[in-house]
Amino acid sequence: MHKLDLSGCRGITDVSSLGNVHELNLSHCLRITDVSSLRNVHTLDLSSCQGITDINSLGNVHELNLSQCRGIINVKNLGNVHTLNLSWCKITDESSLGNVHSLNLSYCYEIIDVSSLRNVHTLDLS
């Protein structure tokens, strides 16, 4: 399947069968906790998915939106993502994100030092 929009489907808990979708929108799906099967999705929107805490398997997603996923703290494996939105997340260590092409860290109030991000092409720190 090329594109699937399930945004706002609050009853979804199991996304294991969606790993081969090219573009997948699961924003506001509040009961999703395990996204490890989504490692092959090209464009993935998980914004406002409050139950997600472990995103280690998503390092090869091309475009990843994790805006307002406040349970996410560890982003060390996301250095290969091309376009990454982490706005409103509570990350404290962004040092592994230096190779991300376009990075949104707006409203990430706990970030202090962004010197490791000097290779990022487009950086939003508003």
Protein backbone atom coordinates (compact mmCIF):
# COMPACT_ATOMS: atom_id res chain seq x y z
CA MET A 1 0.00 0.00 0.00
CA HIS A 2 1.33 3.41 -0.88
CA LYS A 3 -0.43 5.81 1.51
CA LEU A 4 -2.57 5.22 4.59
CA ASP A 5 -4.08 7.83 6.91
CA LEU A 6 -5.35 6.47 10.22
CA SER A 7 -4.92 9.72 12.14
CA GLY A 8 -7.22 10.09 15.11
CA CYS A 9 -8.12 6.41 15.29
CA ARG A 10 -7.87 6.22 19.06
CA GLY A 11 -8.67 2.51 19.30
CA ILE A 12 -5.63 1.29 17.35
CA THR A 13 -3.07 -0.52 19.49
CA ASP A 14 -1.41 -2.98 17.09
CA VAL A 15 0.39 -1.55 14.03
CA SER A 16 2.51 -4.63 13.28
CA SER A 17 0.82 -5.23 9.91
CA LEU A 18 1.54 -1.69 8.64
CA GLY A 19 5.30 -1.96 8.19
CA ASN A 20 5.21 -1.99 4.38
CA VAL A 21 3.10 1.15 3.88
CA HIS A 22 5.11 3.88 2.10
CA GLU A 23 3.41 6.88 3.79
CA LEU A 24 1.67 6.30 7.11
CA ASN A 25 -0.16 8.82 9.28
CA LEU A 26 -0.92 7.60 12.79
CA SER A 27 -1.05 11.00 14.45
CA HIS A 28 -3.29 11.26 17.52
CA CYS A 29 -3.53 7.46 17.85
CA LEU A 30 -3.16 7.60 21.61
CA ARG A 31 -3.06 3.87 22.40
CA ILE A 32 -0.11 2.90 20.19
CA THR A 33 2.96 1.96 22.20
CA ASP A 34 5.05 -0.40 20.00
CA VAL A 35 6.27 1.04 16.68
CA SER A 36 9.17 -1.35 16.09
CA SER A 37 7.44 -2.91 13.05
CA LEU A 38 7.36 0.47 11.25
CA ARG A 39 11.09 0.61 10.50
CA ASN A 40 10.55 0.32 6.72
CA VAL A 41 7.97 3.09 6.37
CA HIS A 42 9.31 5.97 4.26
CA THR A 43 7.17 8.82 5.67
CA LEU A 44 5.78 8.32 9.16
CA ASP A 45 3.65 10.71 11.23
CA LEU A 46 3.36 9.72 14.88
CA SER A 47 2.68 13.20 16.22
CA SER A 48 0.72 13.35 19.48
CA CYS A 49 1.06 9.61 20.09
CA GLN A 50 1.60 9.94 23.83
CA GLY A 51 2.10 6.21 24.51
CA ILE A 52 5.26 5.84 22.41
CA THR A 53 8.51 5.85 24.36
CA ASP A 54 10.87 3.57 22.37
CA ILE A 55 11.69 4.74 18.84
CA ASN A 56 15.08 3.03 18.46
CA SER A 57 13.89 0.98 15.47
CA LEU A 58 12.87 4.05 13.42
CA GLY A 59 16.38 5.18 12.48
CA ASN A 60 15.94 4.41 8.77
CA VAL A 61 12.63 6.20 8.26
CA HIS A 62 13.18 9.00 5.73
CA GLU A 63 10.68 11.53 7.12
CA LEU A 64 9.58 11.19 10.75
CA ASN A 65 7.19 13.39 12.70
CA LEU A 66 7.28 12.82 16.47
CA SER A 67 5.93 16.22 17.47
CA GLN A 68 4.30 16.23 20.91
CA CYS A 69 5.38 12.67 21.72
CA ARG A 70 6.34 13.68 25.24
CA GLY A 71 7.34 10.18 26.34
CA ILE A 72 10.29 10.14 23.93
CA ILE A 73 13.58 10.98 25.55
CA ASN A 74 16.21 8.84 23.78
CA VAL A 75 16.75 9.84 20.12
CA LYS A 76 20.26 8.39 19.69
CA ASN A 77 19.26 6.06 16.81
CA LEU A 78 17.61 8.76 14.67
CA GLY A 79 20.80 10.19 13.15
CA ASN A 80 20.01 8.79 9.67
CA VAL A 81 16.52 10.27 9.41
CA HIS A 82 16.40 12.91 6.64
CA THR A 83 13.55 15.08 7.97
CA LEU A 84 12.81 14.90 11.69
CA ASN A 85 10.24 16.81 13.74
CA LEU A 86 10.76 16.57 17.50
CA SER A 87 8.93 19.77 18.44
CA TRP A 88 7.37 19.79 21.91
CA CYS A 89 9.35 16.67 22.94
CA LYS A 90 11.28 16.41 26.20
CA ILE A 91 14.60 15.33 24.73
CA THR A 92 17.72 16.45 26.53
CA ASP A 93 20.50 15.04 24.32
CA GLU A 94 20.33 15.88 20.64
CA SER A 95 24.05 15.25 19.96
CA SER A 96 23.39 12.20 17.73
CA LEU A 97 21.23 14.23 15.31
CA GLY A 98 24.06 16.09 13.58
CA ASN A 99 23.50 14.37 10.22
CA VAL A 100 19.76 14.99 9.99
CA HIS A 101 19.05 17.21 6.97
CA SER A 102 16.02 19.06 8.34
CA LEU A 103 15.45 19.13 12.09
CA ASN A 104 12.66 20.76 14.09
CA LEU A 105 13.39 21.16 17.80
CA SER A 106 10.99 24.01 18.45
CA TYR A 107 9.64 24.17 22.00
CA CYS A 108 12.18 21.63 23.26
CA TYR A 109 12.96 23.65 26.37
CA GLU A 110 15.47 21.24 27.91
CA ILE A 111 18.02 21.52 25.10
CA ILE A 112 21.02 23.60 26.12
CA ASP A 113 23.87 22.95 23.67
CA VAL A 114 23.26 22.66 19.92
CA SER A 115 26.89 22.77 18.80
CA SER A 116 26.69 19.16 17.58
CA LEU A 117 24.04 20.21 15.03
CA ARG A 118 26.30 22.36 12.86
CA ASN A 119 25.87 20.00 9.85
CA VAL A 120 22.07 20.19 9.91
CA HIS A 121 20.88 21.98 6.77
CA THR A 122 17.59 23.35 8.16
CA LEU A 123 17.23 23.76 11.93
CA ASP A 124 14.19 25.15 13.76
CA LEU A 125 14.86 26.11 17.38
CA SER A 126 11.96 28.54 17.85
